[in-house]
Amino acid sequence: MQEDILLKKKPVLEAHLGKLGFCLVDMRFYKNHFGQRILEVLADRIEGGITLDECSRLNKELGSMFEEEGMEERYTLDVSSPGMDRPLMTLADFRRVRGRELRLFLKEKQDGKIEIQGTLESVGDNQITVKTEDTTIQVSLDKINKAKQVIA
């Protein structure tokens, strides 16, 4: 039932957030330590950097929107930031951190390395270019096992 709700709500949520200049990072149901069902929505500005006030405003707007559509199950809506250390998974994620330092963990060695750290220089159709201390490396997204922005 929860998966059905998420599949049904996700496109509506993505479209609504997009019109406001935000993007949906993730959404999930979970139970907190009191047994309450929580619908967690992680949102961010398209270019990154959502504020607490924006999360609060989106929480009210999305709550009203979901109430109008009618959800038969009870839940608490929680709209929050994904945080700076969230995994980078999509081209949009990488575009958002262009010019910043990141760490990549590859599925297989490339240029003798399984782990690469450097500055994200560019984002192409299905690859990124990272400038390390030694060289510049192009990495296909399908070769990346895990990627994170380096927070100093």
N, C-alpha and C. Protein backbone atom coordinates (compact mmCIF):
# COMPACT_ATOMS: atom_id res chain seq x y z
N MET A 1 0.82 -1.20 0.00
CA MET A 1 0.00 0.00 0.00
C MET A 1 0.86 1.26 0.00
N GLN A 2 1.92 1.28 0.83
CA GLN A 2 2.77 2.46 0.90
C GLN A 2 3.47 2.70 -0.43
N GLU A 3 3.94 1.63 -1.09
CA GLU A 3 4.62 1.78 -2.38
C GLU A 3 3.66 2.35 -3.42
N ASP A 4 2.38 1.93 -3.37
CA ASP A 4 1.38 2.45 -4.30
C ASP A 4 1.20 3.95 -4.12
N ILE A 5 1.15 4.38 -2.87
CA ILE A 5 0.99 5.81 -2.57
C ILE A 5 2.19 6.59 -3.08
N LEU A 6 3.39 6.06 -2.83
CA LEU A 6 4.60 6.75 -3.29
C LEU A 6 4.64 6.85 -4.80
N LEU A 7 4.32 5.76 -5.49
CA LEU A 7 4.32 5.78 -6.96
C LEU A 7 3.30 6.76 -7.51
N LYS A 8 2.15 6.85 -6.85
CA LYS A 8 1.08 7.74 -7.29
C LYS A 8 1.44 9.21 -7.00
N LYS A 9 2.02 9.47 -5.86
CA LYS A 9 2.31 10.85 -5.44
C LYS A 9 3.58 11.42 -6.07
N LYS A 10 4.53 10.57 -6.39
CA LYS A 10 5.83 11.06 -6.85
C LYS A 10 5.74 11.98 -8.07
N PRO A 11 5.07 11.59 -9.16
CA PRO A 11 5.01 12.49 -10.33
C PRO A 11 4.32 13.82 -10.02
N VAL A 12 3.27 13.78 -9.20
CA VAL A 12 2.55 15.00 -8.82
C VAL A 12 3.47 15.90 -8.01
N LEU A 13 4.19 15.30 -7.08
CA LEU A 13 5.11 16.04 -6.22
C LEU A 13 6.25 16.64 -7.03
N GLU A 14 6.84 15.86 -7.93
CA GLU A 14 7.94 16.36 -8.77
C GLU A 14 7.49 17.55 -9.61
N ALA A 15 6.31 17.45 -10.20
CA ALA A 15 5.79 18.54 -11.03
C ALA A 15 5.54 19.80 -10.20
N HIS A 16 4.92 19.63 -9.05
CA HIS A 16 4.61 20.78 -8.18
C HIS A 16 5.89 21.45 -7.69
N LEU A 17 6.84 20.66 -7.22
CA LEU A 17 8.10 21.21 -6.74
C LEU A 17 8.87 21.90 -7.87
N GLY A 18 8.86 21.30 -9.06
CA GLY A 18 9.55 21.88 -10.21
C GLY A 18 9.04 23.26 -10.56
N LYS A 19 7.72 23.45 -10.47
CA LYS A 19 7.13 24.77 -10.76
C LYS A 19 7.61 25.82 -9.78
N LEU A 20 7.98 25.40 -8.59
CA LEU A 20 8.42 26.32 -7.54
C LEU A 20 9.94 26.49 -7.48
N GLY A 21 10.67 25.80 -8.39
CA GLY A 21 12.13 25.91 -8.41
C GLY A 21 12.83 24.92 -7.50
N PHE A 22 12.13 23.86 -7.11
CA PHE A 22 12.70 22.84 -6.24
C PHE A 22 12.70 21.50 -6.97
N CYS A 23 13.42 20.54 -6.42
CA CYS A 23 13.39 19.19 -6.98
C CYS A 23 13.17 18.19 -5.84
N LEU A 24 12.55 17.09 -6.18
CA LEU A 24 12.34 16.00 -5.23
C LEU A 24 13.60 15.13 -5.23
N VAL A 25 14.21 14.99 -4.08
CA VAL A 25 15.40 14.16 -3.95
C VAL A 25 14.99 12.73 -3.62
N ASP A 26 14.06 12.58 -2.68
CA ASP A 26 13.62 11.25 -2.27
C ASP A 26 12.34 11.39 -1.46
N MET A 27 11.60 10.32 -1.35
CA MET A 27 10.44 10.28 -0.47
C MET A 27 10.26 8.84 0.00
N ARG A 28 9.83 8.70 1.25
CA ARG A 28 9.64 7.37 1.82
C ARG A 28 8.71 7.44 3.01
N PHE A 29 8.10 6.29 3.30
CA PHE A 29 7.33 6.12 4.53
C PHE A 29 8.20 5.39 5.55
N TYR A 30 8.08 5.76 6.81
CA TYR A 30 8.70 5.01 7.89
C TYR A 30 7.89 5.26 9.15
N LYS A 31 8.12 4.44 10.18
CA LYS A 31 7.49 4.64 11.48
C LYS A 31 8.53 5.18 12.44
N ASN A 32 8.15 6.22 13.20
CA ASN A 32 9.08 6.76 14.20
C ASN A 32 9.02 5.90 15.47
N HIS A 33 9.77 6.28 16.49
CA HIS A 33 9.83 5.46 17.70
C HIS A 33 8.52 5.44 18.49
N PHE A 34 7.55 6.29 18.13
CA PHE A 34 6.23 6.27 18.76
C PHE A 34 5.24 5.42 17.95
N GLY A 35 5.73 4.88 16.81
CA GLY A 35 4.86 4.07 15.95
C GLY A 35 4.05 4.90 14.96
N GLN A 36 4.29 6.21 14.91
CA GLN A 36 3.57 7.07 13.96
C GLN A 36 4.15 6.90 12.56
N ARG A 37 3.26 6.89 11.57
CA ARG A 37 3.70 6.81 10.17
C ARG A 37 4.12 8.20 9.71
N ILE A 38 5.31 8.28 9.13
CA ILE A 38 5.87 9.53 8.64
C ILE A 38 6.08 9.41 7.14
N LEU A 39 5.60 10.40 6.39
CA LEU A 39 5.92 10.51 4.98
C LEU A 39 7.02 11.55 4.89
N GLU A 40 8.25 11.09 4.66
CA GLU A 40 9.40 11.98 4.58
C GLU A 40 9.62 12.37 3.13
N VAL A 41 9.69 13.67 2.89
CA VAL A 41 9.96 14.21 1.56
C VAL A 41 11.26 15.02 1.66
N LEU A 42 12.27 14.60 0.91
CA LEU A 42 13.52 15.33 0.85
C LEU A 42 13.51 16.18 -0.41
N ALA A 43 13.59 17.48 -0.23
CA ALA A 43 13.53 18.42 -1.35
C ALA A 43 14.74 19.34 -1.30
N ASP A 44 15.07 19.90 -2.45
CA ASP A 44 16.19 20.82 -2.52
C ASP A 44 15.90 21.83 -3.62
N ARG A 45 16.60 22.94 -3.58
CA ARG A 45 16.56 23.87 -4.71
C ARG A 45 17.21 23.16 -5.88
N ILE A 46 16.81 23.47 -7.08
CA ILE A 46 17.38 22.83 -8.25
C ILE A 46 18.89 23.04 -8.27
N GLU A 47 19.33 24.25 -7.90
CA GLU A 47 20.77 24.53 -7.86
C GLU A 47 21.37 24.20 -6.49
N GLY A 48 20.58 23.69 -5.57
CA GLY A 48 21.05 23.30 -4.25
C GLY A 48 20.88 24.41 -3.23
N GLY A 49 20.73 24.04 -1.97
CA GLY A 49 20.70 25.01 -0.89
C GLY A 49 19.33 25.46 -0.41
N ILE A 50 18.45 24.53 -0.10
CA ILE A 50 17.12 24.86 0.42
C ILE A 50 17.25 25.36 1.87
N THR A 51 16.42 26.32 2.24
CA THR A 51 16.46 26.86 3.60
C THR A 51 15.40 26.20 4.49
N LEU A 52 15.53 26.40 5.79
CA LEU A 52 14.56 25.88 6.74
C LEU A 52 13.18 26.51 6.51
N ASP A 53 13.14 27.81 6.22
CA ASP A 53 11.87 28.48 5.94
C ASP A 53 11.20 27.90 4.69
N GLU A 54 12.01 27.58 3.68
CA GLU A 54 11.45 26.99 2.46
C GLU A 54 10.89 25.60 2.74
N CYS A 55 11.58 24.82 3.56
CA CYS A 55 11.08 23.49 3.93
C CYS A 55 9.75 23.62 4.67
N SER A 56 9.66 24.57 5.58
CA SER A 56 8.43 24.80 6.33
C SER A 56 7.28 25.18 5.41
N ARG A 57 7.56 26.09 4.47
CA ARG A 57 6.53 26.53 3.51
C ARG A 57 6.08 25.36 2.64
N LEU A 58 7.04 24.56 2.16
CA LEU A 58 6.70 23.41 1.33
C LEU A 58 5.90 22.38 2.12
N ASN A 59 6.22 22.21 3.40
CA ASN A 59 5.50 21.26 4.23
C ASN A 59 4.01 21.63 4.29
N LYS A 60 3.73 22.92 4.47
CA LYS A 60 2.34 23.40 4.52
C LYS A 60 1.65 23.23 3.16
N GLU A 61 2.34 23.64 2.09
CA GLU A 61 1.76 23.55 0.75
C GLU A 61 1.47 22.11 0.35
N LEU A 62 2.45 21.23 0.55
CA LEU A 62 2.27 19.84 0.16
C LEU A 62 1.24 19.15 1.04
N GLY A 63 1.22 19.49 2.31
CA GLY A 63 0.21 18.93 3.21
C GLY A 63 -1.19 19.28 2.74
N SER A 64 -1.40 20.53 2.36
CA SER A 64 -2.71 20.97 1.85
C SER A 64 -3.05 20.26 0.54
N MET A 65 -2.04 20.14 -0.32
CA MET A 65 -2.26 19.47 -1.61
C MET A 65 -2.66 18.02 -1.39
N PHE A 66 -1.98 17.30 -0.49
CA PHE A 66 -2.30 15.90 -0.23
C PHE A 66 -3.67 15.76 0.42
N GLU A 67 -4.04 16.71 1.29
CA GLU A 67 -5.36 16.66 1.93
C GLU A 67 -6.47 16.81 0.90
N GLU A 68 -6.28 17.73 -0.06
CA GLU A 68 -7.28 17.94 -1.10
C GLU A 68 -7.48 16.69 -1.95
N GLU A 69 -6.38 15.98 -2.21
CA GLU A 69 -6.46 14.75 -3.01
C GLU A 69 -7.05 13.60 -2.21
N GLY A 70 -6.98 13.70 -0.89
CA GLY A 70 -7.54 12.66 -0.03
C GLY A 70 -6.65 11.44 0.06
N MET A 71 -6.01 11.28 1.19
CA MET A 71 -5.26 10.05 1.47
C MET A 71 -5.96 9.37 2.64
N GLU A 72 -6.37 8.14 2.40
CA GLU A 72 -7.15 7.44 3.42
C GLU A 72 -6.32 7.03 4.63
N GLU A 73 -5.02 6.87 4.47
CA GLU A 73 -4.17 6.49 5.59
C GLU A 73 -3.66 7.72 6.32
N ARG A 74 -3.51 7.60 7.64
CA ARG A 74 -3.00 8.71 8.45
C ARG A 74 -1.48 8.68 8.47
N TYR A 75 -0.91 9.87 8.42
CA TYR A 75 0.54 10.00 8.41
C TYR A 75 0.89 11.43 8.81
N THR A 76 2.15 11.64 9.13
CA THR A 76 2.67 12.98 9.37
C THR A 76 3.63 13.29 8.24
N LEU A 77 3.47 14.45 7.62
CA LEU A 77 4.34 14.87 6.53
C LEU A 77 5.55 15.58 7.10
N ASP A 78 6.73 15.22 6.61
CA ASP A 78 7.97 15.84 7.05
C ASP A 78 8.79 16.22 5.81
N VAL A 79 8.82 17.51 5.48
CA VAL A 79 9.62 17.99 4.36
C VAL A 79 10.93 18.53 4.92
N SER A 80 12.04 18.02 4.42
CA SER A 80 13.33 18.48 4.91
C SER A 80 14.38 18.47 3.81
N SER A 81 15.53 19.03 4.16
CA SER A 81 16.67 19.08 3.26
C SER A 81 17.36 17.73 3.24
N PRO A 82 17.92 17.34 2.11
CA PRO A 82 18.65 16.08 2.07
C PRO A 82 20.01 16.17 2.74
N GLY A 83 20.46 17.37 3.05
CA GLY A 83 21.76 17.55 3.68
C GLY A 83 22.87 17.65 2.65
N MET A 84 23.95 18.27 3.05
CA MET A 84 25.07 18.47 2.12
C MET A 84 25.81 17.18 1.79
N ASP A 85 25.74 16.19 2.68
CA ASP A 85 26.51 14.97 2.46
C ASP A 85 25.69 13.86 1.80
N ARG A 86 24.59 14.24 1.16
CA ARG A 86 23.78 13.22 0.52
C ARG A 86 24.53 12.61 -0.67
N PRO A 87 24.26 11.37 -0.97
CA PRO A 87 24.92 10.73 -2.12
C PRO A 87 24.53 11.44 -3.42
N LEU A 88 25.47 11.50 -4.33
CA LEU A 88 25.22 12.06 -5.66
C LEU A 88 24.90 10.88 -6.58
N MET A 89 23.72 10.92 -7.21
CA MET A 89 23.30 9.77 -8.00
C MET A 89 22.91 10.13 -9.43
N THR A 90 22.34 11.28 -9.63
CA THR A 90 21.82 11.64 -10.95
C THR A 90 22.67 12.75 -11.58
N LEU A 91 22.46 12.97 -12.88
CA LEU A 91 23.14 14.08 -13.55
C LEU A 91 22.81 15.40 -12.87
N ALA A 92 21.56 15.56 -12.45
CA ALA A 92 21.16 16.80 -11.76
C ALA A 92 21.94 16.97 -10.46
N ASP A 93 22.16 15.88 -9.73
CA ASP A 93 22.95 15.94 -8.49
C ASP A 93 24.36 16.45 -8.80
N PHE A 94 24.96 15.89 -9.84
CA PHE A 94 26.33 16.29 -10.19
C PHE A 94 26.38 17.74 -10.70
N ARG A 95 25.38 18.14 -11.48
CA ARG A 95 25.35 19.54 -11.95
C ARG A 95 25.29 20.52 -10.78
N ARG A 96 24.56 20.14 -9.75
CA ARG A 96 24.39 20.99 -8.59
C ARG A 96 25.70 21.24 -7.85
N VAL A 97 26.65 20.31 -7.93
CA VAL A 97 27.90 20.46 -7.19
C VAL A 97 29.10 20.74 -8.11
N ARG A 98 28.81 21.13 -9.34
CA ARG A 98 29.89 21.47 -10.28
C ARG A 98 30.81 22.52 -9.66
N GLY A 99 32.11 22.32 -9.80
CA GLY A 99 33.08 23.25 -9.24
C GLY A 99 33.48 22.93 -7.80
N ARG A 100 32.82 21.94 -7.22
CA ARG A 100 33.13 21.56 -5.84
C ARG A 100 33.91 20.25 -5.80
N GLU A 101 34.50 19.98 -4.64
CA GLU A 101 35.27 18.76 -4.49
C GLU A 101 34.35 17.59 -4.17
N LEU A 102 34.65 16.45 -4.78
CA LEU A 102 33.86 15.25 -4.51
C LEU A 102 34.75 14.03 -4.47
N ARG A 103 34.19 12.96 -3.92
CA ARG A 103 34.89 11.68 -3.84
C ARG A 103 34.02 10.64 -4.53
N LEU A 104 34.66 9.90 -5.45
CA LEU A 104 33.98 8.85 -6.19
C LEU A 104 34.54 7.50 -5.78
N PHE A 105 33.67 6.52 -5.66
CA PHE A 105 34.05 5.14 -5.44
C PHE A 105 33.54 4.38 -6.66
N LEU A 106 34.45 3.83 -7.44
CA LEU A 106 34.11 3.21 -8.72
C LEU A 106 33.78 1.73 -8.57
N LYS A 107 33.04 1.20 -9.53
CA LYS A 107 32.70 -0.22 -9.53
C LYS A 107 33.90 -1.07 -9.93
N GLU A 108 34.77 -0.48 -10.74
CA GLU A 108 36.00 -1.16 -11.15
C GLU A 108 37.09 -0.11 -11.35
N LYS A 109 38.32 -0.54 -11.33
CA LYS A 109 39.43 0.40 -11.44
C LYS A 109 39.41 1.14 -12.78
N GLN A 110 39.74 2.41 -12.69
CA GLN A 110 39.92 3.25 -13.88
C GLN A 110 41.24 3.99 -13.68
N ASP A 111 42.11 3.91 -14.65
CA ASP A 111 43.45 4.51 -14.52
C ASP A 111 44.14 4.03 -13.25
N GLY A 112 43.89 2.77 -12.88
CA GLY A 112 44.54 2.17 -11.72
C GLY A 112 43.93 2.56 -10.38
N LYS A 113 42.82 3.29 -10.40
CA LYS A 113 42.22 3.75 -9.14
C LYS A 113 40.78 3.26 -9.01
N ILE A 114 40.42 2.90 -7.79
CA ILE A 114 39.03 2.53 -7.48
C ILE A 114 38.32 3.70 -6.78
N GLU A 115 39.14 4.61 -6.21
CA GLU A 115 38.62 5.79 -5.52
C GLU A 115 39.28 7.03 -6.13
N ILE A 116 38.46 8.03 -6.43
CA ILE A 116 38.95 9.26 -7.04
C ILE A 116 38.43 10.44 -6.24
N GLN A 117 39.30 11.38 -5.92
CA GLN A 117 38.89 12.60 -5.26
C GLN A 117 39.44 13.78 -6.05
N GLY A 118 38.55 14.74 -6.30
CA GLY A 118 38.97 15.92 -7.04
C GLY A 118 37.82 16.88 -7.23
N THR A 119 38.05 17.89 -8.05
CA THR A 119 37.04 18.91 -8.32
C THR A 119 36.24 18.53 -9.55
N LEU A 120 34.93 18.60 -9.43
CA LEU A 120 34.04 18.30 -10.55
C LEU A 120 34.09 19.46 -11.54
N GLU A 121 34.66 19.21 -12.71
CA GLU A 121 34.82 20.28 -13.70
C GLU A 121 33.62 20.40 -14.62
N SER A 122 33.09 19.27 -15.09
CA SER A 122 31.97 19.35 -16.02
C SER A 122 31.10 18.10 -15.92
N VAL A 123 29.87 18.25 -16.43
CA VAL A 123 28.90 17.16 -16.44
C VAL A 123 28.37 17.05 -17.86
N GLY A 124 28.54 15.87 -18.46
CA GLY A 124 28.07 15.64 -19.82
C GLY A 124 26.77 14.86 -19.82
N ASP A 125 26.48 14.22 -20.95
CA ASP A 125 25.23 13.46 -21.08
C ASP A 125 25.17 12.26 -20.14
N ASN A 126 26.26 11.54 -20.01
CA ASN A 126 26.28 10.38 -19.12
C ASN A 126 27.64 10.22 -18.46
N GLN A 127 28.39 11.33 -18.39
CA GLN A 127 29.70 11.25 -17.77
C GLN A 127 30.05 12.57 -17.09
N ILE A 128 31.03 12.47 -16.20
CA ILE A 128 31.52 13.65 -15.51
C ILE A 128 33.02 13.76 -15.71
N THR A 129 33.55 14.96 -15.56
CA THR A 129 34.98 15.18 -15.65
C THR A 129 35.46 15.72 -14.31
N VAL A 130 36.46 15.03 -13.74
CA VAL A 130 36.98 15.37 -12.42
C VAL A 130 38.46 15.71 -12.55
N LYS A 131 38.86 16.85 -12.00
CA LYS A 131 40.26 17.24 -11.98
C LYS A 131 40.84 16.85 -10.63
N THR A 132 41.82 15.92 -10.66
CA THR A 132 42.50 15.49 -9.45
C THR A 132 43.81 16.27 -9.33
N GLU A 133 44.59 15.97 -8.30
CA GLU A 133 45.90 16.61 -8.15
C GLU A 133 46.80 16.31 -9.34
N ASP A 134 46.68 15.09 -9.90
CA ASP A 134 47.59 14.63 -10.94
C ASP A 134 47.09 14.81 -12.36
N THR A 135 45.78 14.68 -12.57
CA THR A 135 45.26 14.60 -13.93
C THR A 135 43.79 14.97 -13.98
N THR A 136 43.23 14.92 -15.17
CA THR A 136 41.80 15.11 -15.36
C THR A 136 41.23 13.80 -15.88
N ILE A 137 40.17 13.33 -15.24
CA ILE A 137 39.60 12.01 -15.54
C ILE A 137 38.14 12.16 -15.94
N GLN A 138 37.74 11.46 -17.00
CA GLN A 138 36.33 11.37 -17.37
C GLN A 138 35.80 10.04 -16.88
N VAL A 139 34.67 10.10 -16.19
CA VAL A 139 34.08 8.90 -15.61
C VAL A 139 32.62 8.79 -16.05
N SER A 140 32.25 7.65 -16.58
CA SER A 140 30.87 7.38 -16.96
C SER A 140 30.05 7.14 -15.69
N LEU A 141 28.82 7.67 -15.65
CA LEU A 141 27.98 7.51 -14.45
C LEU A 141 27.74 6.05 -14.10
N ASP A 142 27.63 5.19 -15.11
CA ASP A 142 27.37 3.78 -14.82
C ASP A 142 28.57 3.06 -14.21
N LYS A 143 29.72 3.72 -14.16
CA LYS A 143 30.93 3.14 -13.54
C LYS A 143 31.07 3.57 -12.08
N ILE A 144 30.18 4.47 -11.63
CA ILE A 144 30.28 5.00 -10.26
C ILE A 144 29.42 4.16 -9.32
N ASN A 145 30.04 3.65 -8.28
CA ASN A 145 29.33 2.88 -7.26
C ASN A 145 28.71 3.83 -6.23
N LYS A 146 29.49 4.85 -5.84
CA LYS A 146 29.03 5.80 -4.83
C LYS A 146 29.78 7.12 -5.07
N ALA A 147 29.09 8.23 -4.85
CA ALA A 147 29.72 9.55 -5.00
C ALA A 147 29.15 10.48 -3.94
N LYS A 148 30.03 11.29 -3.35
CA LYS A 148 29.63 12.26 -2.33
C LYS A 148 30.45 13.52 -2.49
N GLN A 149 29.82 14.64 -2.15
CA GLN A 149 30.55 15.89 -2.08
C GLN A 149 31.43 15.86 -0.85
N VAL A 150 32.66 16.35 -0.97
CA VAL A 150 33.56 16.42 0.17
C VAL A 150 33.25 17.68 0.96
N ILE A 151 32.92 17.52 2.22
CA ILE A 151 32.60 18.64 3.10
C ILE A 151 33.82 18.91 3.96
N ALA A 152 34.39 20.09 3.82
CA ALA A 152 35.60 20.41 4.59
C ALA A 152 35.27 20.89 5.97
